[in-house]
Amino acid sequence: MNKEVSTTVKIRFSDCDPIGHLNNVKYLEYMLNAREDHVEEFYGFTYEEYLKRTGCVWIAIQNEIAYLKEVKANTKVIISSKTIEMSDRVSKVEILMKSEDEKTINAVLWITVIYFNMRTRQSEVLPPDEKAFFDKYLIEVEEKEFKDRVFHFRKQNKIINGN
């Protein structure tokens, strides 16, 4: 079972600024779209199907993003995602945008989500069978604070790129 899933994406020229770098907001779009694809391809459901079946969905309550290295138009990147924290109501997903060779981290995004019942308009405890399903995919990272994780990746990028 693969706990960290990834896809390759080509950066489109139309998503870049005049000097050919990916616009900041587009990082989010690429990363969130990749996560949605990962959920469908690797976990076997779409958010729409899950909502129809259960009446519940995960609502983002916080995003933290760090831009570590520019991404240029017409390059390919690897976008990976994994669940790094999970409790009865709240989970955290890490999404990385990496160079095609996966040596350089271009951006890191942490999304904190809450399990939410759309009928009652309140958060709920994730049902035990659902929690057990997602616990199988949990990957704990050493750094528990976003700033520490960013520091880790900046240091890793310097080592890889010889700076």
N, C-alpha and C. Protein backbone atom coordinates (compact mmCIF):
# COMPACT_ATOMS: atom_id res chain seq x y z
N MET A 1 0.84 -1.18 0.00
CA MET A 1 0.00 0.00 0.00
C MET A 1 0.89 1.25 0.00
N ASN A 2 0.64 2.13 -0.93
CA ASN A 2 1.40 3.36 -1.04
C ASN A 2 0.74 4.45 -0.20
N LYS A 3 1.44 4.92 0.81
CA LYS A 3 0.87 5.93 1.71
C LYS A 3 1.06 7.35 1.20
N GLU A 4 2.10 7.56 0.42
CA GLU A 4 2.30 8.87 -0.21
C GLU A 4 2.10 8.67 -1.70
N VAL A 5 1.13 9.39 -2.24
CA VAL A 5 0.78 9.21 -3.65
C VAL A 5 1.22 10.44 -4.43
N SER A 6 1.48 10.24 -5.72
CA SER A 6 1.97 11.36 -6.51
C SER A 6 1.54 11.25 -7.97
N THR A 7 1.58 12.41 -8.62
CA THR A 7 1.29 12.51 -10.04
C THR A 7 2.24 13.52 -10.66
N THR A 8 2.43 13.38 -11.96
CA THR A 8 3.26 14.32 -12.71
C THR A 8 2.35 15.32 -13.41
N VAL A 9 2.73 16.59 -13.35
CA VAL A 9 1.92 17.66 -13.92
C VAL A 9 2.83 18.59 -14.72
N LYS A 10 2.35 19.05 -15.85
CA LYS A 10 3.08 20.04 -16.64
C LYS A 10 2.58 21.43 -16.27
N ILE A 11 3.50 22.34 -15.99
CA ILE A 11 3.16 23.72 -15.66
C ILE A 11 2.85 24.48 -16.95
N ARG A 12 1.70 25.04 -17.00
CA ARG A 12 1.22 25.73 -18.20
C ARG A 12 1.70 27.18 -18.24
N PHE A 13 2.08 27.63 -19.41
CA PHE A 13 2.55 29.00 -19.61
C PHE A 13 1.51 30.01 -19.15
N SER A 14 0.24 29.73 -19.41
CA SER A 14 -0.83 30.66 -19.05
C SER A 14 -0.99 30.84 -17.54
N ASP A 15 -0.40 29.95 -16.74
CA ASP A 15 -0.47 30.04 -15.28
C ASP A 15 0.73 30.76 -14.68
N CYS A 16 1.56 31.31 -15.54
CA CYS A 16 2.81 31.94 -15.08
C CYS A 16 2.76 33.46 -15.24
N ASP A 17 3.63 34.12 -14.50
CA ASP A 17 3.74 35.58 -14.57
C ASP A 17 4.58 35.97 -15.79
N PRO A 18 4.75 37.27 -16.04
CA PRO A 18 5.48 37.70 -17.24
C PRO A 18 6.92 37.21 -17.34
N ILE A 19 7.55 36.85 -16.21
CA ILE A 19 8.92 36.34 -16.30
C ILE A 19 8.97 34.81 -16.33
N GLY A 20 7.80 34.20 -16.47
CA GLY A 20 7.75 32.76 -16.68
C GLY A 20 7.73 31.90 -15.43
N HIS A 21 7.46 32.51 -14.27
CA HIS A 21 7.37 31.74 -13.02
C HIS A 21 5.91 31.50 -12.67
N LEU A 22 5.62 30.35 -12.13
CA LEU A 22 4.26 30.00 -11.72
C LEU A 22 3.74 31.02 -10.71
N ASN A 23 2.54 31.56 -10.97
CA ASN A 23 1.91 32.50 -10.04
C ASN A 23 1.62 31.80 -8.71
N ASN A 24 1.76 32.54 -7.61
CA ASN A 24 1.58 31.95 -6.28
C ASN A 24 0.24 31.25 -6.11
N VAL A 25 -0.84 31.87 -6.53
CA VAL A 25 -2.16 31.26 -6.36
C VAL A 25 -2.28 29.98 -7.17
N LYS A 26 -1.55 29.87 -8.27
CA LYS A 26 -1.61 28.67 -9.12
C LYS A 26 -0.94 27.47 -8.46
N TYR A 27 0.05 27.72 -7.59
CA TYR A 27 0.61 26.61 -6.82
C TYR A 27 -0.53 25.90 -6.08
N LEU A 28 -1.36 26.70 -5.42
CA LEU A 28 -2.49 26.13 -4.67
C LEU A 28 -3.41 25.35 -5.58
N GLU A 29 -3.74 25.91 -6.72
CA GLU A 29 -4.65 25.22 -7.65
C GLU A 29 -4.07 23.89 -8.10
N TYR A 30 -2.81 23.89 -8.52
CA TYR A 30 -2.18 22.64 -8.96
C TYR A 30 -2.16 21.62 -7.82
N MET A 31 -1.82 22.06 -6.64
CA MET A 31 -1.69 21.15 -5.51
C MET A 31 -3.04 20.61 -5.06
N LEU A 32 -4.05 21.46 -4.98
CA LEU A 32 -5.38 21.00 -4.57
C LEU A 32 -6.00 20.09 -5.62
N ASN A 33 -5.81 20.41 -6.89
CA ASN A 33 -6.32 19.53 -7.95
C ASN A 33 -5.65 18.17 -7.90
N ALA A 34 -4.34 18.16 -7.65
CA ALA A 34 -3.63 16.89 -7.55
C ALA A 34 -4.16 16.07 -6.38
N ARG A 35 -4.41 16.70 -5.25
CA ARG A 35 -4.93 15.97 -4.08
C ARG A 35 -6.29 15.36 -4.40
N GLU A 36 -7.14 16.13 -5.06
CA GLU A 36 -8.45 15.60 -5.44
C GLU A 36 -8.29 14.38 -6.33
N ASP A 37 -7.37 14.44 -7.28
CA ASP A 37 -7.09 13.28 -8.15
C ASP A 37 -6.55 12.11 -7.34
N HIS A 38 -5.68 12.39 -6.38
CA HIS A 38 -5.10 11.32 -5.55
C HIS A 38 -6.19 10.60 -4.77
N VAL A 39 -7.11 11.36 -4.19
CA VAL A 39 -8.19 10.75 -3.40
C VAL A 39 -9.00 9.80 -4.28
N GLU A 40 -9.33 10.25 -5.48
CA GLU A 40 -10.12 9.41 -6.37
C GLU A 40 -9.33 8.18 -6.83
N GLU A 41 -8.11 8.40 -7.29
CA GLU A 41 -7.33 7.31 -7.86
C GLU A 41 -6.84 6.30 -6.82
N PHE A 42 -6.37 6.78 -5.68
CA PHE A 42 -5.73 5.90 -4.71
C PHE A 42 -6.63 5.48 -3.55
N TYR A 43 -7.62 6.32 -3.19
CA TYR A 43 -8.52 5.97 -2.08
C TYR A 43 -9.86 5.46 -2.58
N GLY A 44 -10.13 5.63 -3.88
CA GLY A 44 -11.31 5.01 -4.47
C GLY A 44 -12.62 5.74 -4.33
N PHE A 45 -12.59 7.05 -4.10
CA PHE A 45 -13.84 7.80 -4.05
C PHE A 45 -13.60 9.24 -4.44
N THR A 46 -14.68 9.93 -4.77
CA THR A 46 -14.60 11.38 -4.99
C THR A 46 -15.29 12.05 -3.81
N TYR A 47 -14.96 13.31 -3.60
CA TYR A 47 -15.60 14.05 -2.51
C TYR A 47 -17.10 14.14 -2.73
N GLU A 48 -17.52 14.30 -4.00
CA GLU A 48 -18.96 14.39 -4.30
C GLU A 48 -19.67 13.09 -3.94
N GLU A 49 -19.08 11.95 -4.31
CA GLU A 49 -19.69 10.65 -3.98
C GLU A 49 -19.77 10.46 -2.46
N TYR A 50 -18.70 10.83 -1.78
CA TYR A 50 -18.68 10.67 -0.33
C TYR A 50 -19.75 11.52 0.32
N LEU A 51 -19.90 12.75 -0.13
CA LEU A 51 -20.92 13.65 0.41
C LEU A 51 -22.32 13.08 0.18
N LYS A 52 -22.58 12.58 -1.00
CA LYS A 52 -23.90 12.00 -1.29
C LYS A 52 -24.17 10.79 -0.41
N ARG A 53 -23.15 9.96 -0.19
CA ARG A 53 -23.31 8.72 0.57
C ARG A 53 -23.46 8.98 2.07
N THR A 54 -22.70 9.93 2.60
CA THR A 54 -22.64 10.11 4.06
C THR A 54 -23.25 11.41 4.56
N GLY A 55 -23.38 12.39 3.68
CA GLY A 55 -23.83 13.72 4.13
C GLY A 55 -22.70 14.53 4.75
N CYS A 56 -21.50 13.96 4.75
CA CYS A 56 -20.35 14.63 5.38
C CYS A 56 -19.26 14.87 4.35
N VAL A 57 -18.38 15.78 4.70
CA VAL A 57 -17.26 16.13 3.83
C VAL A 57 -16.16 16.74 4.71
N TRP A 58 -14.97 16.85 4.16
CA TRP A 58 -13.89 17.51 4.88
C TRP A 58 -13.82 18.96 4.41
N ILE A 59 -13.83 19.88 5.36
CA ILE A 59 -13.79 21.31 5.07
C ILE A 59 -12.43 21.84 5.49
N ALA A 60 -11.76 22.55 4.58
CA ALA A 60 -10.47 23.16 4.93
C ALA A 60 -10.70 24.29 5.92
N ILE A 61 -9.95 24.24 7.00
CA ILE A 61 -10.04 25.31 8.01
C ILE A 61 -8.73 26.10 8.11
N GLN A 62 -7.68 25.58 7.50
CA GLN A 62 -6.41 26.32 7.51
C GLN A 62 -5.50 25.80 6.41
N ASN A 63 -4.85 26.72 5.71
CA ASN A 63 -3.82 26.39 4.73
C ASN A 63 -2.54 27.10 5.12
N GLU A 64 -1.44 26.39 5.04
CA GLU A 64 -0.12 26.99 5.25
C GLU A 64 0.73 26.57 4.06
N ILE A 65 1.30 27.56 3.36
CA ILE A 65 2.10 27.25 2.18
C ILE A 65 3.42 28.01 2.24
N ALA A 66 4.47 27.35 1.78
CA ALA A 66 5.77 27.99 1.64
C ALA A 66 6.27 27.71 0.24
N TYR A 67 6.74 28.77 -0.40
CA TYR A 67 7.30 28.69 -1.74
C TYR A 67 8.81 28.62 -1.60
N LEU A 68 9.39 27.49 -1.95
CA LEU A 68 10.81 27.26 -1.67
C LEU A 68 11.71 27.50 -2.88
N LYS A 69 11.21 27.20 -4.06
CA LYS A 69 11.99 27.38 -5.29
C LYS A 69 11.01 27.63 -6.42
N GLU A 70 11.35 28.60 -7.27
CA GLU A 70 10.43 28.94 -8.36
C GLU A 70 10.23 27.76 -9.30
N VAL A 71 9.04 27.74 -9.90
CA VAL A 71 8.70 26.75 -10.90
C VAL A 71 8.46 27.50 -12.20
N LYS A 72 9.08 27.04 -13.26
CA LYS A 72 9.02 27.75 -14.54
C LYS A 72 8.02 27.10 -15.49
N ALA A 73 7.54 27.92 -16.42
CA ALA A 73 6.58 27.47 -17.43
C ALA A 73 7.13 26.29 -18.22
N ASN A 74 6.23 25.39 -18.57
CA ASN A 74 6.52 24.23 -19.42
C ASN A 74 7.45 23.20 -18.79
N THR A 75 7.64 23.29 -17.48
CA THR A 75 8.39 22.23 -16.81
C THR A 75 7.40 21.23 -16.22
N LYS A 76 7.91 20.04 -15.95
CA LYS A 76 7.08 19.04 -15.28
C LYS A 76 7.48 18.97 -13.83
N VAL A 77 6.46 18.82 -12.97
CA VAL A 77 6.69 18.68 -11.54
C VAL A 77 5.96 17.43 -11.04
N ILE A 78 6.42 16.93 -9.93
CA ILE A 78 5.76 15.84 -9.23
C ILE A 78 5.01 16.46 -8.05
N ILE A 79 3.73 16.16 -7.94
CA ILE A 79 2.95 16.63 -6.80
C ILE A 79 2.55 15.40 -6.00
N SER A 80 2.98 15.36 -4.75
CA SER A 80 2.67 14.23 -3.88
C SER A 80 1.82 14.71 -2.72
N SER A 81 1.04 13.80 -2.15
CA SER A 81 0.23 14.15 -0.99
C SER A 81 0.17 12.98 -0.03
N LYS A 82 0.00 13.34 1.23
CA LYS A 82 -0.10 12.32 2.27
C LYS A 82 -0.79 12.93 3.49
N THR A 83 -1.44 12.08 4.26
CA THR A 83 -2.04 12.49 5.53
C THR A 83 -0.95 12.40 6.59
N ILE A 84 -0.73 13.52 7.31
CA ILE A 84 0.35 13.53 8.30
C ILE A 84 -0.15 13.63 9.75
N GLU A 85 -1.42 13.94 9.92
CA GLU A 85 -2.03 13.94 11.25
C GLU A 85 -3.49 13.55 11.11
N MET A 86 -3.99 12.87 12.15
CA MET A 86 -5.39 12.49 12.12
C MET A 86 -5.91 12.35 13.55
N SER A 87 -7.04 12.99 13.79
CA SER A 87 -7.74 12.79 15.05
C SER A 87 -9.18 12.45 14.70
N ASP A 88 -10.06 12.41 15.68
CA ASP A 88 -11.45 12.05 15.42
C ASP A 88 -12.17 13.04 14.52
N ARG A 89 -11.77 14.32 14.56
CA ARG A 89 -12.46 15.35 13.79
C ARG A 89 -11.55 16.08 12.79
N VAL A 90 -10.29 16.22 13.14
CA VAL A 90 -9.39 17.07 12.37
C VAL A 90 -8.25 16.23 11.79
N SER A 91 -7.92 16.53 10.54
CA SER A 91 -6.80 15.87 9.87
C SER A 91 -5.94 16.91 9.20
N LYS A 92 -4.70 16.52 8.93
CA LYS A 92 -3.78 17.42 8.23
C LYS A 92 -3.15 16.65 7.07
N VAL A 93 -3.14 17.31 5.91
CA VAL A 93 -2.56 16.74 4.70
C VAL A 93 -1.37 17.59 4.28
N GLU A 94 -0.30 16.92 3.90
CA GLU A 94 0.86 17.62 3.35
C GLU A 94 0.90 17.35 1.85
N ILE A 95 1.04 18.43 1.08
CA ILE A 95 1.18 18.31 -0.36
C ILE A 95 2.51 18.97 -0.74
N LEU A 96 3.31 18.24 -1.48
CA LEU A 96 4.60 18.74 -1.94
C LEU A 96 4.59 18.89 -3.44
N MET A 97 5.17 19.99 -3.93
CA MET A 97 5.45 20.15 -5.35
C MET A 97 6.97 20.02 -5.48
N LYS A 98 7.39 19.02 -6.28
CA LYS A 98 8.81 18.70 -6.38
C LYS A 98 9.26 18.77 -7.84
N SER A 99 10.55 18.91 -8.01
CA SER A 99 11.12 18.84 -9.36
C SER A 99 10.84 17.46 -9.94
N GLU A 100 10.95 17.36 -11.26
CA GLU A 100 10.64 16.09 -11.91
C GLU A 100 11.51 14.94 -11.42
N ASP A 101 12.75 15.24 -11.02
CA ASP A 101 13.62 14.20 -10.47
C ASP A 101 13.40 13.98 -8.97
N GLU A 102 12.48 14.75 -8.40
CA GLU A 102 12.05 14.67 -6.99
C GLU A 102 13.15 15.03 -6.00
N LYS A 103 14.20 15.69 -6.47
CA LYS A 103 15.28 16.07 -5.56
C LYS A 103 15.03 17.42 -4.89
N THR A 104 14.36 18.34 -5.59
CA THR A 104 14.13 19.69 -5.07
C THR A 104 12.67 19.85 -4.70
N ILE A 105 12.42 20.40 -3.52
CA ILE A 105 11.05 20.73 -3.10
C ILE A 105 10.79 22.17 -3.51
N ASN A 106 9.80 22.36 -4.39
CA ASN A 106 9.46 23.70 -4.85
C ASN A 106 8.49 24.40 -3.90
N ALA A 107 7.57 23.64 -3.32
CA ALA A 107 6.59 24.22 -2.40
C ALA A 107 6.05 23.13 -1.49
N VAL A 108 5.66 23.55 -0.30
CA VAL A 108 5.03 22.65 0.66
C VAL A 108 3.74 23.32 1.14
N LEU A 109 2.68 22.53 1.20
CA LEU A 109 1.37 23.01 1.63
C LEU A 109 0.84 22.07 2.69
N TRP A 110 0.43 22.63 3.81
CA TRP A 110 -0.28 21.88 4.84
C TRP A 110 -1.71 22.36 4.85
N ILE A 111 -2.64 21.44 4.70
CA ILE A 111 -4.06 21.75 4.76
C ILE A 111 -4.64 21.05 5.98
N THR A 112 -5.24 21.82 6.86
CA THR A 112 -5.94 21.27 8.01
C THR A 112 -7.42 21.24 7.66
N VAL A 113 -8.03 20.06 7.80
CA VAL A 113 -9.44 19.88 7.46
C VAL A 113 -10.21 19.34 8.65
N ILE A 114 -11.49 19.67 8.68
CA ILE A 114 -12.37 19.17 9.73
C ILE A 114 -13.48 18.35 9.09
N TYR A 115 -13.84 17.26 9.73
CA TYR A 115 -14.93 16.41 9.24
C TYR A 115 -16.24 17.09 9.59
N PHE A 116 -17.07 17.34 8.57
CA PHE A 116 -18.20 18.25 8.72
C PHE A 116 -19.46 17.63 8.12
N ASN A 117 -20.54 17.67 8.90
CA ASN A 117 -21.84 17.17 8.45
C ASN A 117 -22.58 18.33 7.78
N MET A 118 -22.85 18.20 6.50
CA MET A 118 -23.51 19.27 5.74
C MET A 118 -24.99 19.40 6.11
N ARG A 119 -25.60 18.35 6.63
CA ARG A 119 -27.02 18.43 7.02
C ARG A 119 -27.19 19.21 8.32
N THR A 120 -26.35 18.89 9.31
CA THR A 120 -26.46 19.56 10.61
C THR A 120 -25.66 20.85 10.68
N ARG A 121 -24.75 21.02 9.68
CA ARG A 121 -23.86 22.20 9.62
C ARG A 121 -22.95 22.27 10.84
N GLN A 122 -22.48 21.10 11.30
CA GLN A 122 -21.58 21.02 12.44
C GLN A 122 -20.50 19.97 12.18
N SER A 123 -19.38 20.14 12.88
CA SER A 123 -18.35 19.10 12.78
C SER A 123 -18.84 17.86 13.51
N GLU A 124 -18.30 16.73 13.06
CA GLU A 124 -18.66 15.44 13.65
C GLU A 124 -17.41 14.61 13.85
N VAL A 125 -17.56 13.61 14.66
CA VAL A 125 -16.49 12.62 14.83
C VAL A 125 -16.51 11.72 13.60
N LEU A 126 -15.35 11.48 13.06
CA LEU A 126 -15.21 10.56 11.93
C LEU A 126 -15.63 9.17 12.39
N PRO A 127 -16.55 8.51 11.67
CA PRO A 127 -16.97 7.16 12.08
C PRO A 127 -15.77 6.22 12.20
N PRO A 128 -15.81 5.31 13.19
CA PRO A 128 -14.66 4.43 13.45
C PRO A 128 -14.17 3.64 12.23
N ASP A 129 -15.08 3.14 11.39
CA ASP A 129 -14.64 2.38 10.22
C ASP A 129 -13.94 3.29 9.21
N GLU A 130 -14.41 4.52 9.09
CA GLU A 130 -13.76 5.49 8.19
C GLU A 130 -12.39 5.88 8.74
N LYS A 131 -12.32 6.11 10.05
CA LYS A 131 -11.05 6.47 10.68
C LYS A 131 -10.03 5.34 10.50
N ALA A 132 -10.48 4.11 10.68
CA ALA A 132 -9.58 2.96 10.50
C ALA A 132 -9.07 2.89 9.06
N PHE A 133 -9.93 3.19 8.09
CA PHE A 133 -9.52 3.20 6.68
C PHE A 133 -8.42 4.22 6.46
N PHE A 134 -8.62 5.44 6.95
CA PHE A 134 -7.65 6.50 6.72
C PHE A 134 -6.40 6.37 7.58
N ASP A 135 -6.52 5.76 8.75
CA ASP A 135 -5.34 5.53 9.60
C ASP A 135 -4.29 4.69 8.88
N LYS A 136 -4.72 3.83 7.97
CA LYS A 136 -3.79 2.99 7.21
C LYS A 136 -2.85 3.84 6.35
N TYR A 137 -3.29 5.04 6.01
CA TYR A 137 -2.52 5.91 5.11
C TYR A 137 -1.72 6.98 5.85
N LEU A 138 -1.82 7.00 7.15
CA LEU A 138 -1.16 8.03 7.95
C LEU A 138 0.36 7.87 7.90
N ILE A 139 1.04 8.98 7.63
CA ILE A 139 2.51 9.02 7.68
C ILE A 139 2.87 10.17 8.62
N GLU A 140 3.45 9.83 9.73
CA GLU A 140 3.85 10.89 10.65
C GLU A 140 5.20 11.45 10.20
N VAL A 141 5.29 12.78 10.24
CA VAL A 141 6.55 13.44 9.90
C VAL A 141 7.20 13.91 11.19
N GLU A 142 8.50 13.98 11.16
CA GLU A 142 9.25 14.36 12.36
C GLU A 142 8.92 15.76 12.83
N GLU A 143 8.79 16.68 11.89
CA GLU A 143 8.53 18.07 12.22
C GLU A 143 7.03 18.26 12.44
N LYS A 144 6.66 18.70 13.62
CA LYS A 144 5.23 18.86 13.96
C LYS A 144 4.73 20.29 13.73
N GLU A 145 5.64 21.22 13.54
CA GLU A 145 5.28 22.61 13.26
C GLU A 145 5.64 22.93 11.82
N PHE A 146 4.78 23.71 11.16
CA PHE A 146 4.99 24.03 9.76
C PHE A 146 6.33 24.71 9.53
N LYS A 147 6.67 25.67 10.37
CA LYS A 147 7.93 26.40 10.18
C LYS A 147 9.13 25.46 10.27
N ASP A 148 9.05 24.45 11.11
CA ASP A 148 10.13 23.47 11.22
C ASP A 148 10.21 22.59 9.97
N ARG A 149 9.06 22.27 9.42
CA ARG A 149 9.04 21.45 8.20
C ARG A 149 9.63 22.25 7.03
N VAL A 150 9.26 23.52 6.95
CA VAL A 150 9.80 24.40 5.90
C VAL A 150 11.31 24.50 6.04
N PHE A 151 11.81 24.71 7.26
CA PHE A 151 13.25 24.77 7.50
C PHE A 151 13.94 23.49 7.04
N HIS A 152 13.32 22.35 7.35
CA HIS A 152 13.86 21.05 6.94
C HIS A 152 14.01 20.99 5.41
N PHE A 153 12.97 21.40 4.69
CA PHE A 153 13.03 21.34 3.22
C PHE A 153 14.00 22.36 2.64
N ARG A 154 14.08 23.55 3.23
CA ARG A 154 15.05 24.54 2.75
C ARG A 154 16.48 24.00 2.90
N LYS A 155 16.74 23.38 4.04
CA LYS A 155 18.05 22.81 4.30
C LYS A 155 18.34 21.67 3.31
N GLN A 156 17.35 20.83 3.09
CA GLN A 156 17.48 19.72 2.14
C GLN A 156 17.76 20.24 0.73
N ASN A 157 17.04 21.28 0.32
CA ASN A 157 17.26 21.86 -1.01
C ASN A 157 18.67 22.42 -1.15
N LYS A 158 19.19 23.05 -0.10
CA LYS A 158 20.55 23.60 -0.15
C LYS A 158 21.58 22.49 -0.32
N ILE A 159 21.38 21.40 0.37
CA ILE A 159 22.31 20.27 0.28
C ILE A 159 22.27 19.68 -1.14
N ILE A 160 21.08 19.48 -1.66
CA ILE A 160 20.90 18.89 -2.99
C ILE A 160 21.47 19.79 -4.08
N ASN A 161 21.22 21.10 -3.94
CA ASN A 161 21.63 22.06 -4.98
C ASN A 161 23.02 22.63 -4.74
N GLY A 162 23.70 22.16 -3.69
CA GLY A 162 25.08 22.56 -3.44
C GLY A 162 25.25 24.00 -3.00
N ASN A 163 24.24 24.56 -2.33
CA ASN A 163 24.34 25.96 -1.84
C ASN A 163 24.66 25.99 -0.36
